[in-house]
């Protein structure tokens, strides 16, 4: 099977490989945008207290996993579990993709702040 796949890759032109890579990148970007919009829609439909609470939970979860785990994928999985469990304790449910996007946003903001302090 591996040899068949390698023969296929050898047979297609570099231009086609570039096109496929561009399409995959585009699809991933669109998927990310979809999740981000879903998160923003959730925030728009939630009260300010609910938005604050979700952001609070996400930030605490991110801070916790940063101290406990080294692998980024493990950090994300554990942060999702923490947020889901906390929301469940309050009888709230939020789509896991929305939680994951909120976690990625929090990590991005934290890293941006850290860089600005390091440069400052």
PDB file of N, CA and C in Angstrom:
ATOM      1  N   UNK A   1       0.826  -1.195   0.000  1.00  0.00           N
ATOM      2  CA  UNK A   1       0.000   0.000   0.000  1.00  0.00           C
ATOM      3  C   UNK A   1       0.865   1.252   0.000  1.00  0.00           C
ATOM      4  N   UNK A   2       1.904   1.224   0.815  1.00  0.00           N
ATOM      5  CA  UNK A   2       2.801   2.370   0.904  1.00  0.00           C
ATOM      6  C   UNK A   2       3.496   2.632  -0.439  1.00  0.00           C
ATOM      7  N   UNK A   3       3.874   1.575  -1.121  1.00  0.00           N
ATOM      8  CA  UNK A   3       4.541   1.712  -2.413  1.00  0.00           C
ATOM      9  C   UNK A   3       3.594   2.297  -3.453  1.00  0.00           C
ATOM     10  N   UNK A   4       2.331   1.890  -3.402  1.00  0.00           N
ATOM     11  CA  UNK A   4       1.338   2.426  -4.346  1.00  0.00           C
ATOM     12  C   UNK A   4       1.177   3.919  -4.127  1.00  0.00           C
ATOM     13  N   UNK A   5       1.096   4.311  -2.864  1.00  0.00           N
ATOM     14  CA  UNK A   5       0.964   5.731  -2.533  1.00  0.00           C
ATOM     15  C   UNK A   5       2.198   6.506  -2.999  1.00  0.00           C
ATOM     16  N   UNK A   6       3.383   5.931  -2.800  1.00  0.00           N
ATOM     17  CA  UNK A   6       4.615   6.600  -3.223  1.00  0.00           C
ATOM     18  C   UNK A   6       4.659   6.733  -4.742  1.00  0.00           C
ATOM     19  N   UNK A   7       4.229   5.703  -5.457  1.00  0.00           N
ATOM     20  CA  UNK A   7       4.188   5.775  -6.914  1.00  0.00           C
ATOM     21  C   UNK A   7       3.226   6.860  -7.378  1.00  0.00           C
ATOM     22  N   UNK A   8       2.104   6.971  -6.683  1.00  0.00           N
ATOM     23  CA  UNK A   8       1.139   8.018  -7.006  1.00  0.00           C
ATOM     24  C   UNK A   8       1.760   9.403  -6.816  1.00  0.00           C
ATOM     25  N   UNK A   9       2.438   9.593  -5.688  1.00  0.00           N
ATOM     26  CA  UNK A   9       3.074  10.883  -5.426  1.00  0.00           C
ATOM     27  C   UNK A   9       4.154  11.209  -6.463  1.00  0.00           C
ATOM     28  N   UNK A  10       4.898  10.187  -6.856  1.00  0.00           N
ATOM     29  CA  UNK A  10       5.935  10.395  -7.867  1.00  0.00           C
ATOM     30  C   UNK A  10       5.339  10.740  -9.229  1.00  0.00           C
ATOM     31  N   UNK A  11       4.125  10.228  -9.487  1.00  0.00           N
ATOM     32  CA  UNK A  11       3.503  10.413 -10.792  1.00  0.00           C
ATOM     33  C   UNK A  11       2.883  11.802 -10.963  1.00  0.00           C
ATOM     34  N   UNK A  12       2.371  12.383  -9.921  1.00  0.00           N
ATOM     35  CA  UNK A  12       1.726  13.690 -10.080  1.00  0.00           C
ATOM     36  C   UNK A  12       2.780  14.784 -10.123  1.00  0.00           C
ATOM     37  N   UNK A  13       2.443  15.818 -10.801  1.00  0.00           N
ATOM     38  CA  UNK A  13       3.420  16.890 -11.012  1.00  0.00           C
ATOM     39  C   UNK A  13       3.569  17.745  -9.765  1.00  0.00           C
ATOM     40  N   UNK A  14       4.693  18.435  -9.622  1.00  0.00           N
ATOM     41  CA  UNK A  14       4.882  19.351  -8.493  1.00  0.00           C
ATOM     42  C   UNK A  14       3.824  20.457  -8.451  1.00  0.00           C
ATOM     43  N   UNK A  15       3.347  20.870  -9.601  1.00  0.00           N
ATOM     44  CA  UNK A  15       2.312  21.910  -9.624  1.00  0.00           C
ATOM     45  C   UNK A  15       1.025  21.400  -8.979  1.00  0.00           C
ATOM     46  N   UNK A  16       0.691  20.154  -9.266  1.00  0.00           N
ATOM     47  CA  UNK A  16      -0.506  19.563  -8.672  1.00  0.00           C
ATOM     48  C   UNK A  16      -0.328  19.389  -7.164  1.00  0.00           C
ATOM     49  N   UNK A  17       0.863  19.020  -6.738  1.00  0.00           N
ATOM     50  CA  UNK A  17       1.146  18.911  -5.310  1.00  0.00           C
ATOM     51  C   UNK A  17       0.968  20.266  -4.628  1.00  0.00           C
ATOM     52  N   UNK A  18       1.431  21.316  -5.268  1.00  0.00           N
ATOM     53  CA  UNK A  18       1.281  22.662  -4.720  1.00  0.00           C
ATOM     54  C   UNK A  18      -0.185  23.043  -4.630  1.00  0.00           C
ATOM     55  N   UNK A  19      -0.945  22.703  -5.650  1.00  0.00           N
ATOM     56  CA  UNK A  19      -2.377  22.990  -5.653  1.00  0.00           C
ATOM     57  C   UNK A  19      -3.093  22.250  -4.520  1.00  0.00           C
ATOM     58  N   UNK A  20      -2.760  20.994  -4.346  1.00  0.00           N
ATOM     59  CA  UNK A  20      -3.371  20.207  -3.272  1.00  0.00           C
ATOM     60  C   UNK A  20      -3.015  20.807  -1.914  1.00  0.00           C
ATOM     61  N   UNK A  21      -1.769  21.187  -1.723  1.00  0.00           N
ATOM     62  CA  UNK A  21      -1.351  21.797  -0.459  1.00  0.00           C
ATOM     63  C   UNK A  21      -2.102  23.102  -0.216  1.00  0.00           C
ATOM     64  N   UNK A  22      -2.289  23.894  -1.269  1.00  0.00           N
ATOM     65  CA  UNK A  22      -3.016  25.155  -1.138  1.00  0.00           C
ATOM     66  C   UNK A  22      -4.482  24.904  -0.774  1.00  0.00           C
ATOM     67  N   UNK A  23      -5.087  23.900  -1.386  1.00  0.00           N
ATOM     68  CA  UNK A  23      -6.479  23.571  -1.079  1.00  0.00           C
ATOM     69  C   UNK A  23      -6.651  23.080   0.359  1.00  0.00           C
ATOM     70  N   UNK A  24      -5.725  22.256   0.807  1.00  0.00           N
ATOM     71  CA  UNK A  24      -5.786  21.772   2.186  1.00  0.00           C
ATOM     72  C   UNK A  24      -5.651  22.945   3.155  1.00  0.00           C
ATOM     73  N   UNK A  25      -4.727  23.858   2.873  1.00  0.00           N
ATOM     74  CA  UNK A  25      -4.539  25.040   3.716  1.00  0.00           C
ATOM     75  C   UNK A  25      -5.797  25.891   3.721  1.00  0.00           C
ATOM     76  N   UNK A  26      -6.404  26.076   2.577  1.00  0.00           N
ATOM     77  CA  UNK A  26      -7.641  26.850   2.478  1.00  0.00           C
ATOM     78  C   UNK A  26      -8.761  26.207   3.287  1.00  0.00           C
ATOM     79  N   UNK A  27      -8.906  24.891   3.158  1.00  0.00           N
ATOM     80  CA  UNK A  27      -9.950  24.184   3.904  1.00  0.00           C
ATOM     81  C   UNK A  27      -9.730  24.277   5.409  1.00  0.00           C
ATOM     82  N   UNK A  28      -8.497  24.151   5.849  1.00  0.00           N
ATOM     83  CA  UNK A  28      -8.204  24.280   7.278  1.00  0.00           C
ATOM     84  C   UNK A  28      -8.501  25.692   7.767  1.00  0.00           C
ATOM     85  N   UNK A  29      -8.172  26.680   6.960  1.00  0.00           N
ATOM     86  CA  UNK A  29      -8.468  28.063   7.316  1.00  0.00           C
ATOM     87  C   UNK A  29      -9.962  28.307   7.424  1.00  0.00           C
ATOM     88  N   UNK A  30     -10.728  27.753   6.494  1.00  0.00           N
ATOM     89  CA  UNK A  30     -12.176  27.912   6.526  1.00  0.00           C
ATOM     90  C   UNK A  30     -12.783  27.211   7.744  1.00  0.00           C
ATOM     91  N   UNK A  31     -12.250  26.045   8.070  1.00  0.00           N
ATOM     92  CA  UNK A  31     -12.742  25.328   9.252  1.00  0.00           C
ATOM     93  C   UNK A  31     -12.459  26.129  10.521  1.00  0.00           C
ATOM     94  N   UNK A  32     -11.285  26.706  10.597  1.00  0.00           N
ATOM     95  CA  UNK A  32     -10.938  27.533  11.748  1.00  0.00           C
ATOM     96  C   UNK A  32     -11.843  28.756  11.844  1.00  0.00           C
ATOM     97  N   UNK A  33     -12.102  29.381  10.714  1.00  0.00           N
ATOM     98  CA  UNK A  33     -12.986  30.546  10.681  1.00  0.00           C
ATOM     99  C   UNK A  33     -14.404  30.166  11.115  1.00  0.00           C
ATOM    100  N   UNK A  34     -14.871  29.005  10.680  1.00  0.00           N
ATOM    101  CA  UNK A  34     -16.197  28.525  11.062  1.00  0.00           C
ATOM    102  C   UNK A  34     -16.301  28.373  12.578  1.00  0.00           C
ATOM    103  N   UNK A  35     -15.285  27.747  13.178  1.00  0.00           N
ATOM    104  CA  UNK A  35     -15.300  27.542  14.627  1.00  0.00           C
ATOM    105  C   UNK A  35     -15.226  28.874  15.354  1.00  0.00           C
ATOM    106  N   UNK A  36     -14.412  29.789  14.849  1.00  0.00           N
ATOM    107  CA  UNK A  36     -14.306  31.103  15.478  1.00  0.00           C
ATOM    108  C   UNK A  36     -15.643  31.838  15.417  1.00  0.00           C
ATOM    109  N   UNK A  37     -16.309  31.771  14.289  1.00  0.00           N
ATOM    110  CA  UNK A  37     -17.618  32.421  14.158  1.00  0.00           C
ATOM    111  C   UNK A  37     -18.651  31.772  15.074  1.00  0.00           C
ATOM    112  N   UNK A  38     -18.560  30.454  15.218  1.00  0.00           N
ATOM    113  CA  UNK A  38     -19.461  29.743  16.104  1.00  0.00           C
ATOM    114  C   UNK A  38     -19.250  30.209  17.546  1.00  0.00           C
ATOM    115  N   UNK A  39     -18.003  30.383  17.932  1.00  0.00           N
ATOM    116  CA  UNK A  39     -17.676  30.874  19.271  1.00  0.00           C
ATOM    117  C   UNK A  39     -18.203  32.293  19.459  1.00  0.00           C
ATOM    118  N   UNK A  40     -18.010  33.138  18.463  1.00  0.00           N
ATOM    119  CA  UNK A  40     -18.501  34.515  18.555  1.00  0.00           C
ATOM    120  C   UNK A  40     -20.031  34.545  18.625  1.00  0.00           C
ATOM    121  N   UNK A  41     -20.694  33.652  17.875  1.00  0.00           N
ATOM    122  CA  UNK A  41     -22.159  33.591  17.930  1.00  0.00           C
ATOM    123  C   UNK A  41     -22.629  33.149  19.305  1.00  0.00           C
ATOM    124  N   UNK A  42     -21.938  32.192  19.883  1.00  0.00           N
ATOM    125  CA  UNK A  42     -22.279  31.761  21.232  1.00  0.00           C
ATOM    126  C   UNK A  42     -22.134  32.921  22.210  1.00  0.00           C
ATOM    127  N   UNK A  43     -21.033  33.641  22.083  1.00  0.00           N
ATOM    128  CA  UNK A  43     -20.806  34.770  22.970  1.00  0.00           C
ATOM    129  C   UNK A  43     -21.862  35.857  22.763  1.00  0.00           C
ATOM    130  N   UNK A  44     -22.279  36.052  21.522  1.00  0.00           N
ATOM    131  CA  UNK A  44     -23.287  37.078  21.227  1.00  0.00           C
ATOM    132  C   UNK A  44     -24.641  36.709  21.819  1.00  0.00           C
ATOM    133  N   UNK A  45     -24.946  35.409  21.849  1.00  0.00           N
ATOM    134  CA  UNK A  45     -26.230  34.960  22.368  1.00  0.00           C
ATOM    135  C   UNK A  45     -26.224  34.762  23.882  1.00  0.00           C
ATOM    136  N   UNK A  46     -25.048  34.834  24.482  1.00  0.00           N
ATOM    137  CA  UNK A  46     -24.948  34.643  25.919  1.00  0.00           C
ATOM    138  C   UNK A  46     -24.979  35.997  26.621  1.00  0.00           C
ATOM    139  N   UNK A  47     -25.368  35.954  27.875  1.00  0.00           N
ATOM    140  CA  UNK A  47     -25.344  37.186  28.662  1.00  0.00           C
ATOM    141  C   UNK A  47     -23.891  37.563  28.938  1.00  0.00           C
ATOM    142  N   UNK A  48     -23.681  38.772  29.377  1.00  0.00           N
ATOM    143  CA  UNK A  48     -22.313  39.204  29.663  1.00  0.00           C
ATOM    144  C   UNK A  48     -21.721  38.369  30.798  1.00  0.00           C
ATOM    145  N   UNK A  49     -22.546  37.962  31.755  1.00  0.00           N
ATOM    146  CA  UNK A  49     -22.066  37.107  32.844  1.00  0.00           C
ATOM    147  C   UNK A  49     -21.628  35.744  32.321  1.00  0.00           C
ATOM    148  N   UNK A  50     -22.407  35.179  31.388  1.00  0.00           N
ATOM    149  CA  UNK A  50     -22.052  33.881  30.816  1.00  0.00           C
ATOM    150  C   UNK A  50     -20.770  33.971  29.998  1.00  0.00           C
ATOM    151  N   UNK A  51     -20.620  35.053  29.222  1.00  0.00           N
ATOM    152  CA  UNK A  51     -19.390  35.236  28.431  1.00  0.00           C
ATOM    153  C   UNK A  51     -18.189  35.370  29.354  1.00  0.00           C
ATOM    154  N   UNK A  52     -18.353  36.174  30.393  1.00  0.00           N
ATOM    155  CA  UNK A  52     -17.264  36.363  31.346  1.00  0.00           C
ATOM    156  C   UNK A  52     -16.908  35.030  31.993  1.00  0.00           C
ATOM    157  N   UNK A  53     -17.925  34.255  32.386  1.00  0.00           N
ATOM    158  CA  UNK A  53     -17.697  32.979  33.047  1.00  0.00           C
ATOM    159  C   UNK A  53     -16.949  32.011  32.134  1.00  0.00           C
ATOM    160  N   UNK A  54     -17.361  31.918  30.869  1.00  0.00           N
ATOM    161  CA  UNK A  54     -16.667  31.033  29.922  1.00  0.00           C
ATOM    162  C   UNK A  54     -15.227  31.471  29.746  1.00  0.00           C
ATOM    163  N   UNK A  55     -15.003  32.765  29.544  1.00  0.00           N
ATOM    164  CA  UNK A  55     -13.635  33.262  29.384  1.00  0.00           C
ATOM    165  C   UNK A  55     -12.808  33.011  30.647  1.00  0.00           C
ATOM    166  N   UNK A  56     -13.432  33.209  31.804  1.00  0.00           N
ATOM    167  CA  UNK A  56     -12.753  32.961  33.073  1.00  0.00           C
ATOM    168  C   UNK A  56     -12.327  31.501  33.174  1.00  0.00           C
ATOM    169  N   UNK A  57     -13.250  30.580  32.899  1.00  0.00           N
ATOM    170  CA  UNK A  57     -12.940  29.144  32.969  1.00  0.00           C
ATOM    171  C   UNK A  57     -11.825  28.771  32.008  1.00  0.00           C
ATOM    172  N   UNK A  58     -11.915  29.291  30.790  1.00  0.00           N
ATOM    173  CA  UNK A  58     -10.907  28.976  29.778  1.00  0.00           C
ATOM    174  C   UNK A  58      -9.534  29.475  30.219  1.00  0.00           C
ATOM    175  N   UNK A  59      -9.464  30.696  30.700  1.00  0.00           N
ATOM    176  CA  UNK A  59      -8.173  31.247  31.125  1.00  0.00           C
ATOM    177  C   UNK A  59      -7.586  30.475  32.301  1.00  0.00           C
ATOM    178  N   UNK A  60      -8.420  30.089  33.268  1.00  0.00           N
ATOM    179  CA  UNK A  60      -7.923  29.305  34.414  1.00  0.00           C
ATOM    180  C   UNK A  60      -7.437  27.939  33.938  1.00  0.00           C
ATOM    181  N   UNK A  61      -8.180  27.326  33.031  1.00  0.00           N
ATOM    182  CA  UNK A  61      -7.783  26.007  32.514  1.00  0.00           C
ATOM    183  C   UNK A  61      -6.459  26.095  31.765  1.00  0.00           C
ATOM    184  N   UNK A  62      -6.298  27.124  30.957  1.00  0.00           N
ATOM    185  CA  UNK A  62      -5.047  27.301  30.203  1.00  0.00           C
ATOM    186  C   UNK A  62      -3.883  27.504  31.160  1.00  0.00           C
ATOM    187  N   UNK A  63      -4.074  28.336  32.166  1.00  0.00           N
ATOM    188  CA  UNK A  63      -3.009  28.552  33.157  1.00  0.00           C
ATOM    189  C   UNK A  63      -2.633  27.251  33.858  1.00  0.00           C
ATOM    190  N   UNK A  64      -3.631  26.454  34.194  1.00  0.00           N
ATOM    191  CA  UNK A  64      -3.378  25.190  34.895  1.00  0.00           C
ATOM    192  C   UNK A  64      -2.576  24.212  34.045  1.00  0.00           C
ATOM    193  N   UNK A  65      -3.014  24.007  32.826  1.00  0.00           N
ATOM    194  CA  UNK A  65      -2.345  22.998  31.994  1.00  0.00           C
ATOM    195  C   UNK A  65      -0.956  23.450  31.562  1.00  0.00           C
ATOM    196  N   UNK A  66      -0.745  24.754  31.469  1.00  0.00           N
ATOM    197  CA  UNK A  66       0.593  25.245  31.131  1.00  0.00           C
ATOM    198  C   UNK A  66       1.607  24.801  32.180  1.00  0.00           C
ATOM    199  N   UNK A  67       1.168  24.710  33.430  1.00  0.00           N
ATOM    200  CA  UNK A  67       2.056  24.314  34.525  1.00  0.00           C
ATOM    201  C   UNK A  67       2.231  22.798  34.615  1.00  0.00           C
ATOM    202  N   UNK A  68       1.254  22.048  34.129  1.00  0.00           N
ATOM    203  CA  UNK A  68       1.243  20.607  34.369  1.00  0.00           C
ATOM    204  C   UNK A  68       1.761  19.749  33.214  1.00  0.00           C
ATOM    205  N   UNK A  69       1.622  20.221  31.992  1.00  0.00           N
ATOM    206  CA  UNK A  69       1.925  19.374  30.839  1.00  0.00           C
ATOM    207  C   UNK A  69       2.918  20.061  29.902  1.00  0.00           C
ATOM    208  N   UNK A  70       3.681  19.247  29.181  1.00  0.00           N
ATOM    209  CA  UNK A  70       4.662  19.790  28.242  1.00  0.00           C
ATOM    210  C   UNK A  70       4.139  19.774  26.801  1.00  0.00           C
ATOM    211  N   UNK A  71       3.410  18.740  26.453  1.00  0.00           N
ATOM    212  CA  UNK A  71       2.931  18.551  25.084  1.00  0.00           C
ATOM    213  C   UNK A  71       1.712  19.440  24.821  1.00  0.00           C
ATOM    214  N   UNK A  72       1.741  20.208  23.731  1.00  0.00           N
ATOM    215  CA  UNK A  72       0.656  21.137  23.426  1.00  0.00           C
ATOM    216  C   UNK A  72      -0.678  20.442  23.202  1.00  0.00           C
ATOM    217  N   UNK A  73      -0.668  19.291  22.552  1.00  0.00           N
ATOM    218  CA  UNK A  73      -1.930  18.577  22.305  1.00  0.00           C
ATOM    219  C   UNK A  73      -2.534  18.092  23.621  1.00  0.00           C
ATOM    220  N   UNK A  74      -1.682  17.600  24.512  1.00  0.00           N
ATOM    221  CA  UNK A  74      -2.156  17.170  25.833  1.00  0.00           C
ATOM    222  C   UNK A  74      -2.709  18.353  26.608  1.00  0.00           C
ATOM    223  N   UNK A  75      -2.018  19.490  26.523  1.00  0.00           N
ATOM    224  CA  UNK A  75      -2.487  20.700  27.200  1.00  0.00           C
ATOM    225  C   UNK A  75      -3.899  21.061  26.732  1.00  0.00           C
ATOM    226  N   UNK A  76      -4.098  21.031  25.425  1.00  0.00           N
ATOM    227  CA  UNK A  76      -5.403  21.394  24.869  1.00  0.00           C
ATOM    228  C   UNK A  76      -6.478  20.416  25.311  1.00  0.00           C
ATOM    229  N   UNK A  77      -6.189  19.113  25.231  1.00  0.00           N
ATOM    230  CA  UNK A  77      -7.163  18.094  25.626  1.00  0.00           C
ATOM    231  C   UNK A  77      -7.547  18.242  27.099  1.00  0.00           C
ATOM    232  N   UNK A  78      -6.562  18.455  27.937  1.00  0.00           N
ATOM    233  CA  UNK A  78      -6.830  18.578  29.368  1.00  0.00           C
ATOM    234  C   UNK A  78      -7.582  19.871  29.686  1.00  0.00           C
ATOM    235  N   UNK A  79      -7.247  20.954  29.005  1.00  0.00           N
ATOM    236  CA  UNK A  79      -7.964  22.217  29.215  1.00  0.00           C
ATOM    237  C   UNK A  79      -9.429  22.062  28.811  1.00  0.00           C
ATOM    238  N   UNK A  80      -9.684  21.366  27.715  1.00  0.00           N
ATOM    239  CA  UNK A  80     -11.070  21.118  27.289  1.00  0.00           C
ATOM    240  C   UNK A  80     -11.815  20.336  28.368  1.00  0.00           C
ATOM    241  N   UNK A  81     -11.171  19.300  28.918  1.00  0.00           N
ATOM    242  CA  UNK A  81     -11.804  18.499  29.965  1.00  0.00           C
ATOM    243  C   UNK A  81     -12.131  19.353  31.189  1.00  0.00           C
ATOM    244  N   UNK A  82     -11.205  20.221  31.571  1.00  0.00           N
ATOM    245  CA  UNK A  82     -11.411  21.079  32.742  1.00  0.00           C
ATOM    246  C   UNK A  82     -12.608  22.000  32.523  1.00  0.00           C
ATOM    247  N   UNK A  83     -12.648  22.632  31.358  1.00  0.00           N
ATOM    248  CA  UNK A  83     -13.741  23.575  31.071  1.00  0.00           C
ATOM    249  C   UNK A  83     -15.070  22.836  30.987  1.00  0.00           C
ATOM    250  N   UNK A  84     -15.099  21.698  30.293  1.00  0.00           N
ATOM    251  CA  UNK A  84     -16.343  20.928  30.184  1.00  0.00           C
ATOM    252  C   UNK A  84     -16.853  20.510  31.566  1.00  0.00           C
ATOM    253  N   UNK A  85     -15.951  20.053  32.427  1.00  0.00           N
ATOM    254  CA  UNK A  85     -16.359  19.615  33.761  1.00  0.00           C
ATOM    255  C   UNK A  85     -16.903  20.787  34.571  1.00  0.00           C
ATOM    256  N   UNK A  86     -16.243  21.937  34.489  1.00  0.00           N
ATOM    257  CA  UNK A  86     -16.711  23.109  35.238  1.00  0.00           C
ATOM    258  C   UNK A  86     -18.074  23.566  34.727  1.00  0.00           C
ATOM    259  N   UNK A  87     -18.251  23.588  33.416  1.00  0.00           N
ATOM    260  CA  UNK A  87     -19.542  23.979  32.853  1.00  0.00           C
ATOM    261  C   UNK A  87     -20.641  23.003  33.278  1.00  0.00           C
ATOM    262  N   UNK A  88     -20.297  21.712  33.274  1.00  0.00           N
ATOM    263  CA  UNK A  88     -21.267  20.684  33.660  1.00  0.00           C
ATOM    264  C   UNK A  88     -21.706  20.879  35.107  1.00  0.00           C
ATOM    265  N   UNK A  89     -20.761  21.272  35.971  1.00  0.00           N
ATOM    266  CA  UNK A  89     -21.108  21.516  37.381  1.00  0.00           C
ATOM    267  C   UNK A  89     -22.163  22.611  37.527  1.00  0.00           C
ATOM    268  N   UNK A  90     -22.206  23.525  36.580  1.00  0.00           N
ATOM    269  CA  UNK A  90     -23.180  24.615  36.618  1.00  0.00           C
ATOM    270  C   UNK A  90     -24.378  24.364  35.701  1.00  0.00           C
ATOM    271  N   UNK A  91     -24.450  23.158  35.140  1.00  0.00           N
ATOM    272  CA  UNK A  91     -25.573  22.804  34.293  1.00  0.00           C
ATOM    273  C   UNK A  91     -25.519  23.445  32.917  1.00  0.00           C
ATOM    274  N   UNK A  92     -24.322  23.817  32.487  1.00  0.00           N
ATOM    275  CA  UNK A  92     -24.160  24.465  31.181  1.00  0.00           C
ATOM    276  C   UNK A  92     -23.465  23.520  30.218  1.00  0.00           C
ATOM    277  N   UNK A  93     -23.829  23.609  28.951  1.00  0.00           N
ATOM    278  CA  UNK A  93     -23.133  22.851  27.919  1.00  0.00           C
ATOM    279  C   UNK A  93     -22.735  23.802  26.804  1.00  0.00           C
ATOM    280  N   UNK A  94     -21.537  23.617  26.332  1.00  0.00           N
ATOM    281  CA  UNK A  94     -20.997  24.398  25.224  1.00  0.00           C
ATOM    282  C   UNK A  94     -20.335  23.410  24.281  1.00  0.00           C
ATOM    283  N   UNK A  95     -20.519  23.599  22.995  1.00  0.00           N
ATOM    284  CA  UNK A  95     -19.921  22.729  21.988  1.00  0.00           C
ATOM    285  C   UNK A  95     -18.408  22.652  22.185  1.00  0.00           C
ATOM    286  N   UNK A  96     -17.867  21.443  22.070  1.00  0.00           N
ATOM    287  CA  UNK A  96     -16.439  21.233  22.301  1.00  0.00           C
ATOM    288  C   UNK A  96     -15.584  22.040  21.321  1.00  0.00           C
ATOM    289  N   UNK A  97     -16.057  22.240  20.098  1.00  0.00           N
ATOM    290  CA  UNK A  97     -15.308  23.053  19.131  1.00  0.00           C
ATOM    291  C   UNK A  97     -15.229  24.505  19.584  1.00  0.00           C
ATOM    292  N   UNK A  98     -16.281  24.988  20.204  1.00  0.00           N
ATOM    293  CA  UNK A  98     -16.293  26.355  20.716  1.00  0.00           C
ATOM    294  C   UNK A  98     -15.308  26.482  21.874  1.00  0.00           C
ATOM    295  N   UNK A  99     -15.296  25.482  22.749  1.00  0.00           N
ATOM    296  CA  UNK A  99     -14.349  25.487  23.865  1.00  0.00           C
ATOM    297  C   UNK A  99     -12.920  25.435  23.340  1.00  0.00           C
ATOM    298  N   UNK A 100     -12.676  24.562  22.374  1.00  0.00           N
ATOM    299  CA  UNK A 100     -11.329  24.434  21.803  1.00  0.00           C
ATOM    300  C   UNK A 100     -10.885  25.743  21.169  1.00  0.00           C
ATOM    301  N   UNK A 101     -11.779  26.416  20.466  1.00  0.00           N
ATOM    302  CA  UNK A 101     -11.439  27.693  19.848  1.00  0.00           C
ATOM    303  C   UNK A 101     -11.158  28.750  20.909  1.00  0.00           C
ATOM    304  N   UNK A 102     -11.940  28.752  21.971  1.00  0.00           N
ATOM    305  CA  UNK A 102     -11.714  29.707  23.058  1.00  0.00           C
ATOM    306  C   UNK A 102     -10.363  29.463  23.714  1.00  0.00           C
ATOM    307  N   UNK A 103      -9.986  28.202  23.854  1.00  0.00           N
ATOM    308  CA  UNK A 103      -8.688  27.857  24.436  1.00  0.00           C
ATOM    309  C   UNK A 103      -7.565  28.335  23.525  1.00  0.00           C
ATOM    310  N   UNK A 104      -7.693  28.086  22.230  1.00  0.00           N
ATOM    311  CA  UNK A 104      -6.665  28.545  21.300  1.00  0.00           C
ATOM    312  C   UNK A 104      -6.555  30.063  21.311  1.00  0.00           C
ATOM    313  N   UNK A 105      -7.679  30.750  21.412  1.00  0.00           N
ATOM    314  CA  UNK A 105      -7.657  32.212  21.481  1.00  0.00           C
ATOM    315  C   UNK A 105      -6.946  32.678  22.746  1.00  0.00           C
ATOM    316  N   UNK A 106      -7.232  32.032  23.870  1.00  0.00           N
ATOM    317  CA  UNK A 106      -6.592  32.408  25.131  1.00  0.00           C
ATOM    318  C   UNK A 106      -5.087  32.175  25.074  1.00  0.00           C
ATOM    319  N   UNK A 107      -4.676  31.063  24.502  1.00  0.00           N
ATOM    320  CA  UNK A 107      -3.244  30.774  24.370  1.00  0.00           C
ATOM    321  C   UNK A 107      -2.582  31.825  23.482  1.00  0.00           C
ATOM    322  N   UNK A 108      -3.232  32.178  22.382  1.00  0.00           N
ATOM    323  CA  UNK A 108      -2.688  33.187  21.467  1.00  0.00           C
ATOM    324  C   UNK A 108      -2.514  34.522  22.185  1.00  0.00           C
ATOM    325  N   UNK A 109      -3.528  34.940  22.918  1.00  0.00           N
ATOM    326  CA  UNK A 109      -3.457  36.218  23.635  1.00  0.00           C
ATOM    327  C   UNK A 109      -2.365  36.172  24.697  1.00  0.00           C
ATOM    328  N   UNK A 110      -2.294  35.064  25.452  1.00  0.00           N
ATOM    329  CA  UNK A 110      -1.268  34.937  26.484  1.00  0.00           C
ATOM    330  C   UNK A 110       0.134  35.033  25.896  1.00  0.00           C
ATOM    331  N   UNK A 111       0.353  34.355  24.773  1.00  0.00           N
ATOM    332  CA  UNK A 111       1.679  34.401  24.139  1.00  0.00           C
ATOM    333  C   UNK A 111       1.995  35.800  23.621  1.00  0.00           C
ATOM    334  N   UNK A 112       0.985  36.478  23.101  1.00  0.00           N
ATOM    335  CA  UNK A 112       1.175  37.838  22.602  1.00  0.00           C
ATOM    336  C   UNK A 112       1.557  38.764  23.754  1.00  0.00           C
ATOM    337  N   UNK A 113       0.886  38.619  24.875  1.00  0.00           N
ATOM    338  CA  UNK A 113       1.183  39.450  26.052  1.00  0.00           C
ATOM    339  C   UNK A 113       2.594  39.145  26.560  1.00  0.00           C
ATOM    340  N   UNK A 114       2.945  37.867  26.632  1.00  0.00           N
ATOM    341  CA  UNK A 114       4.283  37.485  27.081  1.00  0.00           C
ATOM    342  C   UNK A 114       5.368  38.088  26.189  1.00  0.00           C
ATOM    343  N   UNK A 115       5.152  38.061  24.874  1.00  0.00           N
ATOM    344  CA  UNK A 115       6.126  38.642  23.944  1.00  0.00           C
ATOM    345  C   UNK A 115       6.258  40.142  24.142  1.00  0.00           C
ATOM    346  N   UNK A 116       5.123  40.830  24.380  1.00  0.00           N
ATOM    347  CA  UNK A 116       5.189  42.275  24.546  1.00  0.00           C
ATOM    348  C   UNK A 116       5.926  42.632  25.827  1.00  0.00           C
ATOM    349  N   UNK A 117       5.763  41.839  26.891  1.00  0.00           N
ATOM    350  CA  UNK A 117       6.496  42.096  28.121  1.00  0.00           C
ATOM    351  C   UNK A 117       7.981  41.786  27.947  1.00  0.00           C
ATOM    352  N   UNK A 118       8.288  40.744  27.188  1.00  0.00           N
ATOM    353  CA  UNK A 118       9.679  40.368  26.967  1.00  0.00           C
ATOM    354  C   UNK A 118      10.418  41.432  26.156  1.00  0.00           C
ATOM    355  N   UNK A 119       9.720  42.073  25.233  1.00  0.00           N
ATOM    356  CA  UNK A 119      10.335  43.106  24.397  1.00  0.00           C
ATOM    357  C   UNK A 119      10.406  44.442  25.130  1.00  0.00           C
ATOM    358  N   UNK A 120       9.480  44.641  26.046  1.00  0.00           N
ATOM    359  CA  UNK A 120       9.245  45.926  26.659  1.00  0.00           C
ATOM    360  C   UNK A 120      10.242  46.473  27.566  1.00  0.00           C
TER     361      UNK A 120
END
